[in-house]
């Protein structure tokens, strides 16, 4: 794959696996399942491809399969070697009761995802969460069979603990089954939990990280002000999209947190960056991070985010960032 002429994006190997991914990936949870119109979602996906983004992340659960369908429709406009598709399974889809990572569930959900996406191969197939009800070796054997069948190129997981990562590596290392090449944890200036154990576990086993919510559910874009209602059309103003802002151990809409985030504005201004660009550059500074997953409701947001690639934050800026938000960030 080499359709990078004119693109400012850079590319990193995703762990020890076969994929090389753009430093920014595009996620469809917000864009497709978050309530914006179908045509607007497709415009955002097209903007991502046109700016050099190569990896598109979705899940069978998002919009009860609608996210996969819209993504597949949008990507039909491009040759297959212009993009890579990542999807996930674990949670129930729509009103179905079944869930998990059993061999039967993997086979069924994989075929359904392939059909919705309109592709012959999923580049990265991921466990959306860890399944405590299914033996890990059963899951890994089923994933290995999917790779050998040509339906999947690489495998990964989302929000696993270091202990679960080590257990999977012990099985694949001893059996020759396909090893995981990606982890998908939440990571941002305000959510730093992966730094203590997950990042080191991934480094031990040659696993790259595709981090989600690098803008902390939009808070690090600077659009929310303490003591003020969320702007119309923003994620926090939508009941369908703001659920995760109310959880995760900290209230991302609380005045004390938003007051701390507001102190980032002069730091970004001194660097000649938008708040979002600085937040993305902060995430991408970590060698464990192969790509940061962005979302967008407008194509111009993609263009703004892409300008974060290649930005090196000086040590003084990193220290100022820690002084501003270190007291409200969630650490291990």
Protein backbone atom coordinates (compact mmCIF):
# COMPACT_ATOMS: atom_id res chain seq x y z
CA UNK A 1 0.00 0.00 0.00
CA UNK A 2 1.40 3.38 -0.96
CA UNK A 3 -1.14 6.06 -1.73
CA UNK A 4 0.51 8.63 0.51
CA UNK A 5 1.56 11.32 -1.94
CA UNK A 6 0.58 14.69 -0.54
CA UNK A 7 -0.54 13.24 2.79
CA UNK A 8 1.13 14.49 5.94
CA UNK A 9 0.25 11.40 7.92
CA UNK A 10 2.99 9.09 9.09
CA UNK A 11 2.73 5.33 9.53
CA UNK A 12 3.77 2.90 12.26
CA UNK A 13 3.97 -0.88 12.50
CA UNK A 14 1.15 -2.33 14.62
CA UNK A 15 3.09 -4.50 17.02
CA UNK A 16 4.81 -7.53 15.52
CA UNK A 17 1.85 -8.21 13.24
CA UNK A 18 1.45 -7.74 9.49
CA UNK A 19 -0.19 -4.30 9.56
CA UNK A 20 1.33 -0.85 9.13
CA UNK A 21 -1.20 1.79 10.15
CA UNK A 22 -1.59 5.54 9.92
CA UNK A 23 -0.80 7.37 13.15
CA UNK A 24 -4.41 8.51 13.22
CA UNK A 25 -7.21 6.01 12.67
CA UNK A 26 -10.87 6.77 12.15
CA UNK A 27 -13.51 5.37 14.51
CA UNK A 28 -17.16 4.99 13.64
CA UNK A 29 -18.79 4.83 17.08
CA UNK A 30 -19.34 8.59 17.18
CA UNK A 31 -19.64 9.21 13.45
CA UNK A 32 -22.09 6.46 12.54
CA UNK A 33 -23.67 5.18 15.74
CA UNK A 34 -23.73 8.59 17.44
CA UNK A 35 -26.66 10.00 15.57
CA UNK A 36 -25.34 12.10 12.67
CA UNK A 37 -26.83 11.62 9.22
CA UNK A 38 -25.71 8.83 6.92
CA UNK A 39 -24.46 11.15 4.17
CA UNK A 40 -22.60 13.31 6.68
CA UNK A 41 -20.95 10.20 8.11
CA UNK A 42 -19.86 9.09 4.65
CA UNK A 43 -18.39 12.55 3.98
CA UNK A 44 -16.30 12.26 7.16
CA UNK A 45 -15.06 8.80 6.19
CA UNK A 46 -14.11 10.05 2.73
CA UNK A 47 -12.27 13.00 4.28
CA UNK A 48 -10.30 10.56 6.43
CA UNK A 49 -9.21 8.48 3.42
CA UNK A 50 -8.36 11.58 1.42
CA UNK A 51 -6.12 12.84 4.25
CA UNK A 52 -4.13 9.59 4.33
CA UNK A 53 -5.87 7.72 7.16
CA UNK A 54 -5.70 4.01 6.36
CA UNK A 55 -7.29 2.24 9.35
CA UNK A 56 -11.03 2.41 10.04
CA UNK A 57 -12.28 1.00 13.33
CA UNK A 58 -15.82 -0.19 13.96
CA UNK A 59 -17.70 -2.97 15.78
CA UNK A 60 -20.62 -5.25 15.03
CA UNK A 61 -22.43 -3.78 18.05
CA UNK A 62 -22.31 -0.13 16.92
CA UNK A 63 -25.77 0.80 15.76
CA UNK A 64 -26.72 -2.90 15.71
CA UNK A 65 -24.53 -3.41 12.64
CA UNK A 66 -25.36 -0.11 10.95
CA UNK A 67 -21.86 1.27 11.55
CA UNK A 68 -20.34 -1.62 9.61
CA UNK A 69 -22.84 -1.18 6.78
CA UNK A 70 -22.24 2.57 6.44
CA UNK A 71 -18.47 2.13 6.65
CA UNK A 72 -18.55 -0.53 3.95
CA UNK A 73 -20.70 1.67 1.73
CA UNK A 74 -18.40 4.65 2.18
CA UNK A 75 -15.22 2.71 1.45
CA UNK A 76 -16.57 1.26 -1.81
CA UNK A 77 -15.47 4.52 -3.43
CA UNK A 78 -11.81 3.54 -2.99
CA UNK A 79 -9.56 0.67 -4.14
CA UNK A 80 -9.21 -2.03 -1.48
CA UNK A 81 -5.53 -1.25 -0.95
CA UNK A 82 -6.36 2.29 0.16
CA UNK A 83 -7.87 1.24 3.50
CA UNK A 84 -7.84 -1.34 6.28
CA UNK A 85 -10.92 -2.32 8.23
CA UNK A 86 -10.90 -3.19 11.93
CA UNK A 87 -14.00 -4.49 13.66
CA UNK A 88 -14.85 -6.15 16.96
CA UNK A 89 -17.16 -8.67 18.59
CA UNK A 90 -18.24 -9.58 22.11
CA UNK A 91 -21.39 -7.62 23.00
CA UNK A 92 -24.88 -8.61 21.84
CA UNK A 93 -25.89 -7.17 18.48
CA UNK A 94 -29.30 -5.55 18.37
CA UNK A 95 -31.85 -7.61 20.25
CA UNK A 96 -29.94 -10.87 20.06
CA UNK A 97 -29.23 -12.53 23.42
CA UNK A 98 -25.95 -14.23 22.53
CA UNK A 99 -22.60 -12.63 23.22
CA UNK A 100 -18.99 -13.51 23.97
CA UNK A 101 -16.00 -15.07 22.26
CA UNK A 102 -16.89 -18.74 21.85
CA UNK A 103 -15.79 -20.49 18.67
CA UNK A 104 -19.35 -20.60 17.38
CA UNK A 105 -19.97 -16.95 18.13
CA UNK A 106 -16.73 -15.91 16.42
CA UNK A 107 -17.59 -17.86 13.27
CA UNK A 108 -21.12 -16.46 13.13
CA UNK A 109 -20.29 -12.84 13.89
CA UNK A 110 -17.25 -12.80 11.62
CA UNK A 111 -19.29 -13.89 8.61
CA UNK A 112 -21.97 -11.31 9.40
CA UNK A 113 -19.40 -8.53 9.73
CA UNK A 114 -17.78 -9.49 6.43
CA UNK A 115 -21.16 -9.30 4.73
CA UNK A 116 -22.10 -5.94 6.25
CA UNK A 117 -18.71 -4.43 5.44
CA UNK A 118 -18.74 -5.82 1.91
CA UNK A 119 -15.16 -7.12 2.07
CA UNK A 120 -13.58 -10.55 1.74
CA UNK A 121 -11.07 -10.01 4.55
CA UNK A 122 -11.12 -8.06 7.80
CA UNK A 123 -7.67 -6.59 8.37
CA UNK A 124 -7.94 -6.50 12.18
CA UNK A 125 -10.48 -8.57 14.12
CA UNK A 126 -10.72 -7.69 17.81
CA UNK A 127 -12.19 -8.98 21.05
CA UNK A 128 -14.32 -6.04 22.21
CA UNK A 129 -13.84 -7.17 25.82
CA UNK A 130 -12.47 -10.22 27.66
CA UNK A 131 -14.84 -13.19 27.88
CA UNK A 132 -14.62 -14.83 31.30
CA UNK A 133 -17.16 -17.48 30.32
CA UNK A 134 -15.18 -18.96 27.40
CA UNK A 135 -11.80 -20.71 27.73
CA UNK A 136 -9.12 -18.45 26.33
CA UNK A 137 -7.59 -21.20 24.23
CA UNK A 138 -10.96 -21.74 22.51
CA UNK A 139 -11.09 -18.07 21.54
CA UNK A 140 -7.50 -18.03 20.31
CA UNK A 141 -7.95 -21.24 18.30
CA UNK A 142 -11.04 -19.80 16.60
CA UNK A 143 -9.19 -16.60 15.76
CA UNK A 144 -6.29 -18.61 14.37
CA UNK A 145 -8.68 -20.59 12.16
CA UNK A 146 -10.16 -17.34 10.85
CA UNK A 147 -6.69 -16.15 9.88
CA UNK A 148 -5.81 -19.45 8.19
CA UNK A 149 -9.11 -19.28 6.28
CA UNK A 150 -8.12 -15.90 4.87
CA UNK A 151 -11.00 -14.08 6.52
CA UNK A 152 -8.77 -12.12 8.94
CA UNK A 153 -5.24 -10.71 8.64
CA UNK A 154 -4.45 -9.75 12.25
CA UNK A 155 -6.14 -10.02 15.65
CA UNK A 156 -6.44 -7.78 18.68
CA UNK A 157 -8.42 -6.95 21.80
CA UNK A 158 -9.87 -3.96 23.62
CA UNK A 159 -9.67 -3.08 27.31
CA UNK A 160 -7.90 -6.20 28.55
CA UNK A 161 -5.83 -6.26 31.71
CA UNK A 162 -2.11 -6.95 31.77
CA UNK A 163 -2.80 -10.35 33.33
CA UNK A 164 -5.17 -11.28 30.51
CA UNK A 165 -2.63 -10.11 27.93
CA UNK A 166 0.10 -12.23 29.53
CA UNK A 167 -2.19 -15.28 29.63
CA UNK A 168 -2.98 -14.99 25.92
CA UNK A 169 0.70 -14.59 25.03
CA UNK A 170 1.57 -17.70 27.04
CA UNK A 171 -0.92 -19.74 25.02
CA UNK A 172 0.03 -18.45 21.57
CA UNK A 173 3.73 -18.66 22.35
CA UNK A 174 3.44 -22.29 23.35
CA UNK A 175 1.06 -23.50 20.64
CA UNK A 176 1.98 -21.55 17.52
CA UNK A 177 -1.49 -20.01 17.29
CA UNK A 178 -1.77 -16.53 15.79
CA UNK A 179 -0.63 -13.97 18.36
CA UNK A 180 -2.36 -10.70 19.11
CA UNK A 181 -0.81 -7.68 17.44
CA UNK A 182 -3.03 -4.92 18.83
CA UNK A 183 -4.54 -3.60 22.02
CA UNK A 184 -7.26 -0.94 22.12
CA UNK A 185 -7.32 0.88 25.46
CA UNK A 186 -8.76 4.25 26.38
CA UNK A 187 -5.91 6.76 26.70
CA UNK A 188 -5.66 10.54 26.94
CA UNK A 189 -4.22 13.33 29.05
CA UNK A 190 -7.17 12.76 31.39
CA UNK A 191 -7.15 8.93 31.36
CA UNK A 192 -3.67 7.50 31.89
CA UNK A 193 -4.43 4.05 33.28
CA UNK A 194 -2.68 2.04 30.52
CA UNK A 195 0.71 3.51 31.37
CA UNK A 196 1.29 1.39 34.49
CA UNK A 197 0.60 -2.17 33.34
CA UNK A 198 -1.10 -2.45 29.93
CA UNK A 199 1.56 -0.59 27.94
CA UNK A 200 4.41 -2.61 29.52
CA UNK A 201 2.54 -5.90 28.93
CA UNK A 202 2.00 -4.98 25.29
CA UNK A 203 5.68 -4.07 24.93
CA UNK A 204 6.70 -7.46 26.37
CA UNK A 205 4.68 -9.31 23.76
CA UNK A 206 5.12 -7.18 20.66
CA UNK A 207 1.60 -5.71 20.74
CA UNK A 208 0.85 -2.23 19.45
CA UNK A 209 -1.80 0.07 20.88
CA UNK A 210 -4.68 1.69 19.01
CA UNK A 211 -5.89 4.12 21.64
CA UNK A 212 -9.46 5.36 21.73
CA UNK A 213 -10.92 8.59 23.09
CA UNK A 214 -7.62 10.54 22.86
CA UNK A 215 -9.67 13.75 23.25
CA UNK A 216 -11.35 12.41 26.41
CA UNK A 217 -14.82 12.24 24.82
CA UNK A 218 -14.30 15.66 23.25
CA UNK A 219 -13.42 17.45 26.48
CA UNK A 220 -9.83 18.11 25.36
CA UNK A 221 -11.05 19.93 22.27
CA UNK A 222 -11.77 22.87 24.58
CA UNK A 223 -15.39 23.25 23.48
CA UNK A 224 -16.84 22.87 27.00
CA UNK A 225 -16.57 25.68 29.56
CA UNK A 226 -17.04 25.43 33.33
CA UNK A 227 -20.39 26.77 34.46
CA UNK A 228 -21.79 26.79 30.93
CA UNK A 229 -24.18 24.34 29.22
CA UNK A 230 -22.63 22.25 26.45
CA UNK A 231 -22.80 23.85 22.99
CA UNK A 232 -25.73 22.73 20.81
CA UNK A 233 -24.75 19.86 18.56
CA UNK A 234 -21.85 18.77 20.79
CA UNK A 235 -21.45 15.26 22.18
CA UNK A 236 -22.26 16.37 25.73
CA UNK A 237 -25.52 17.92 24.54
CA UNK A 238 -26.73 14.62 23.05
CA UNK A 239 -28.30 11.99 25.29
CA UNK A 240 -27.38 9.36 22.69
CA UNK A 241 -23.69 10.28 22.76
CA UNK A 242 -22.76 11.55 26.23
CA UNK A 243 -23.15 8.38 28.30
CA UNK A 244 -19.39 7.75 28.64
CA UNK A 245 -18.81 11.32 29.81
CA UNK A 246 -20.74 10.46 32.96
CA UNK A 247 -18.69 7.39 33.83
CA UNK A 248 -15.05 6.27 33.81
CA UNK A 249 -14.39 7.24 37.42
CA UNK A 250 -14.42 10.99 36.76
CA UNK A 251 -17.18 13.26 35.64
CA UNK A 252 -15.86 14.71 32.38
CA UNK A 253 -18.46 17.48 32.52
CA UNK A 254 -17.75 18.64 36.07
CA UNK A 255 -16.71 22.25 36.58
CA UNK A 256 -13.55 21.36 38.49
CA UNK A 257 -12.30 19.21 35.60
CA UNK A 258 -13.32 21.70 32.92
CA UNK A 259 -11.59 24.47 34.84
CA UNK A 260 -8.36 22.45 34.77
CA UNK A 261 -8.77 21.73 31.06
CA UNK A 262 -9.24 25.44 30.35
CA UNK A 263 -5.68 25.98 31.60
CA UNK A 264 -4.46 24.01 28.57
CA UNK A 265 -5.62 26.73 26.16
CA UNK A 266 -2.62 29.08 26.60
CA UNK A 267 -0.24 26.12 26.31
CA UNK A 268 -1.73 25.15 22.97
CA UNK A 269 -1.73 28.77 21.82
CA UNK A 270 1.96 29.15 22.66
CA UNK A 271 2.66 26.06 20.52
CA UNK A 272 0.54 27.32 17.62
CA UNK A 273 -1.80 24.33 17.98
CA UNK A 274 -5.47 23.80 18.56
CA UNK A 275 -6.43 22.05 21.80
CA UNK A 276 -7.30 18.90 19.85
CA UNK A 277 -3.99 18.89 18.00
CA UNK A 278 -2.05 19.21 21.24
CA UNK A 279 -4.04 16.39 22.86
CA UNK A 280 -3.38 14.09 19.90
CA UNK A 281 0.31 14.96 19.82
CA UNK A 282 0.48 14.19 23.55
CA UNK A 283 -0.91 10.68 22.94
CA UNK A 284 1.27 10.01 19.89
CA UNK A 285 4.45 10.90 21.79
CA UNK A 286 4.33 7.43 23.41
CA UNK A 287 6.27 4.74 21.50
CA UNK A 288 3.72 2.14 22.63
CA UNK A 289 1.00 3.93 20.65
CA UNK A 290 0.77 2.90 17.00
CA UNK A 291 -2.31 4.98 16.24
CA UNK A 292 -4.88 7.22 17.93
CA UNK A 293 -8.51 6.70 16.93
CA UNK A 294 -10.35 9.92 16.12
CA UNK A 295 -14.00 10.53 15.39
CA UNK A 296 -15.63 13.39 13.55
CA UNK A 297 -19.06 14.80 12.81
CA UNK A 298 -17.73 17.20 10.16
CA UNK A 299 -15.01 16.68 7.51
CA UNK A 300 -13.13 19.80 8.64
CA UNK A 301 -12.55 18.17 12.03
CA UNK A 302 -10.58 15.44 10.27
CA UNK A 303 -8.43 18.04 8.52
CA UNK A 304 -7.74 19.78 11.84
CA UNK A 305 -6.80 16.54 13.64
CA UNK A 306 -4.44 15.38 10.90
CA UNK A 307 -2.27 18.44 11.52
CA UNK A 308 -1.27 16.94 14.89
CA UNK A 309 0.82 14.27 13.18
CA UNK A 310 4.54 14.92 13.38
CA UNK A 311 4.21 17.49 16.17
CA UNK A 312 6.84 17.05 18.89
CA UNK A 313 5.83 18.59 22.20
CA UNK A 314 8.80 20.15 24.04
CA UNK A 315 9.58 19.08 27.59
CA UNK A 316 8.46 22.43 28.97
CA UNK A 317 5.03 22.02 27.35
CA UNK A 318 4.67 18.52 28.77
CA UNK A 319 5.47 19.86 32.23
CA UNK A 320 2.89 22.64 31.85
CA UNK A 321 0.29 20.11 30.73
CA UNK A 322 0.91 17.99 33.82
CA UNK A 323 0.61 21.03 36.08
CA UNK A 324 -2.67 21.95 34.43
CA UNK A 325 -4.49 18.61 34.38
CA UNK A 326 -2.37 16.22 36.46
CA UNK A 327 -4.63 16.80 39.45
CA UNK A 328 -7.78 15.71 37.60
CA UNK A 329 -6.32 12.97 35.39
CA UNK A 330 -7.15 9.34 36.19
CA UNK A 331 -3.97 7.40 36.91
CA UNK A 332 -3.60 3.66 37.67
